C-alpha atoms as a PDB file:
ATOM      1  CA  GLY A   1      93.794 111.913  98.659  1.00  0.00           C
ATOM      2  CA  CYS A   2      90.189 112.745  99.479  1.00  0.00           C
ATOM      3  CA  ALA A   3      89.104 116.154 100.606  1.00  0.00           C
ATOM      4  CA  ARG A   4      85.829 114.939 101.449  1.00  0.00           C
ATOM      5  CA  PRO A   5      86.152 111.442 103.191  1.00  0.00           C
ATOM      6  CA  GLY A   6      83.082 110.058 104.535  1.00  0.00           C
ATOM      7  CA  SER A   7      80.537 112.082 102.224  1.00  0.00           C
ATOM      8  CA  ALA A   8      78.878 110.490  99.109  1.00  0.00           C
ATOM      9  CA  HIS A   9      80.704 111.853  96.484  1.00  0.00           C
ATOM     10  CA  ALA A  10      82.131 111.418  92.683  1.00  0.00           C
ATOM     11  CA  GLY A  11      85.681 112.680  92.493  1.00  0.00           C
ATOM     12  CA  GLN A  12      88.328 112.283  89.975  1.00  0.00           C
ATOM     13  CA  PHE A  13      91.835 112.199  91.385  1.00  0.00           C
ATOM     14  CA  LEU A  14      94.981 113.305  89.779  1.00  0.00           C
ATOM     15  CA  ILE A  15      98.175 111.376  90.617  1.00  0.00           C
ATOM     16  CA  CYS A  16     101.789 112.505  89.887  1.00  0.00           C
ATOM     17  CA  GLY A  17     103.463 109.925  88.420  1.00  0.00           C
ATOM     18  CA  LYS A  18     106.966 110.963  89.904  1.00  0.00           C
ATOM     19  CA  CYS A  19     106.638 112.036  93.162  1.00  0.00           C
ATOM     20  CA  GLY A  20     103.185 110.753  94.392  1.00  0.00           C
ATOM     21  CA  ALA A  21     101.332 114.349  94.619  1.00  0.00           C
ATOM     22  CA  THR A  22      97.898 114.001  94.514  1.00  0.00           C
ATOM     23  CA  ALA A  23      94.760 116.527  93.960  1.00  0.00           C
ATOM     24  CA  GLU A  24      90.965 115.591  94.085  1.00  0.00           C
ATOM     25  CA  ILE A  25      88.652 117.162  91.595  1.00  0.00           C
ATOM     26  CA  ALA A  26      84.509 116.979  91.078  1.00  0.00           C
ATOM     27  CA  ASP A  27      83.746 117.812  88.006  1.00  0.00           C
ATOM     28  CA  PRO A  28      80.141 117.423  87.263  1.00  0.00           C
ATOM     29  CA  GLY A  29      81.056 117.180  83.209  1.00  0.00           C
ATOM     30  CA  ILE A  30      83.150 114.050  83.749  1.00  0.00           C
ATOM     31  CA  ARG A  31      80.665 112.312  86.053  1.00  0.00           C
ATOM     32  CA  ARG A  32      77.555 112.807  83.370  1.00  0.00           C
ATOM     33  CA  ALA A  33      80.131 111.206  80.907  1.00  0.00           C
ATOM     34  CA  VAL A  34      81.063 108.273  82.723  1.00  0.00           C
ATOM     35  CA  ALA A  35      77.077 107.465  83.431  1.00  0.00           C
ATOM     36  CA  ARG A  36      76.235 108.558  79.909  1.00  0.00           C
ATOM     37  CA  GLY A  37      78.986 105.494  78.602  1.00  0.00           C
ATOM     38  CA  ALA A  38      77.931 103.482  81.158  1.00  0.00           C
ATOM     39  CA  ARG A  39      74.117 103.820  79.979  1.00  0.00           C
ATOM     40  CA  THR A  40      75.471 103.201  76.422  1.00  0.00           C
ATOM     41  CA  VAL A  41      76.463  99.460  77.272  1.00  0.00           C
ATOM     42  CA  GLY A  42      74.072  98.764  79.918  1.00  0.00           C
ATOM     43  CA  PHE A  43      76.049  98.789  82.861  1.00  0.00           C
ATOM     44  CA  SER A  44      74.870 100.086  85.969  1.00  0.00           C
ATOM     45  CA  VAL A  45      77.178 102.262  88.086  1.00  0.00           C
ATOM     46  CA  GLU A  46      77.403 101.347  91.852  1.00  0.00           C
ATOM     47  CA  HIS A  47      80.377 104.040  92.672  1.00  0.00           C
ATOM     48  CA  GLU A  48      82.625 105.724  90.762  1.00  0.00           C
ATOM     49  CA  THR A  49      86.183 106.651  90.904  1.00  0.00           C
ATOM     50  CA  VAL A  50      88.274 108.453  88.274  1.00  0.00           C
ATOM     51  CA  GLU A  51      92.184 108.315  88.327  1.00  0.00           C
ATOM     52  CA  VAL A  52      94.353 109.981  85.964  1.00  0.00           C
ATOM     53  CA  THR A  53      98.112 109.985  86.540  1.00  0.00           C
ATOM     54  CA  GLY A  54     100.370 112.575  85.133  1.00  0.00           C
ATOM     55  CA  LEU A  55     102.894 115.180  86.267  1.00  0.00           C
ATOM     56  CA  CYS A  56     102.039 117.701  89.118  1.00  0.00           C
ATOM     57  CA  PRO A  57     103.158 121.856  88.537  1.00  0.00           C
ATOM     58  CA  ARG A  58     106.505 120.567  90.682  1.00  0.00           C
ATOM     59  CA  CYS A  59     107.421 117.896  88.221  1.00  0.00           C
ATOM     60  CA  ALA A  60     106.512 118.868  85.126  1.00  0.00           C
ATOM     61  CA  PRO A  61     108.843 120.360  82.620  1.00  0.00           C
ATOM     62  CA  ARG A  62     108.148 124.147  82.089  1.00  0.00           C
ATOM     63  CA  ARG A  63     107.782 123.959  78.395  1.00  0.00           C
ATOM     64  CA  GLN A  64     104.019 121.439  79.020  1.00  0.00           C
ATOM     65  CA  ARG A  65     102.993 123.824  81.479  1.00  0.00           C
ATOM     66  CA  ARG A  66     100.125 126.027  80.175  1.00  0.00           C
END
């Protein structure tokens, strides 16, 4: 799944719940939001992985595509 194995980075993984296809994105806004939320509750982040489950373009019904 990871496009940059072995390099230190925070990524977000998109996982198709139907066929299992995966994609990785690295959105700095998501990373900042996680860090901000963690600070709010006094949590110290050591490693971050975000997984999102949904449907890939091949599996999503056409009416859901944008």
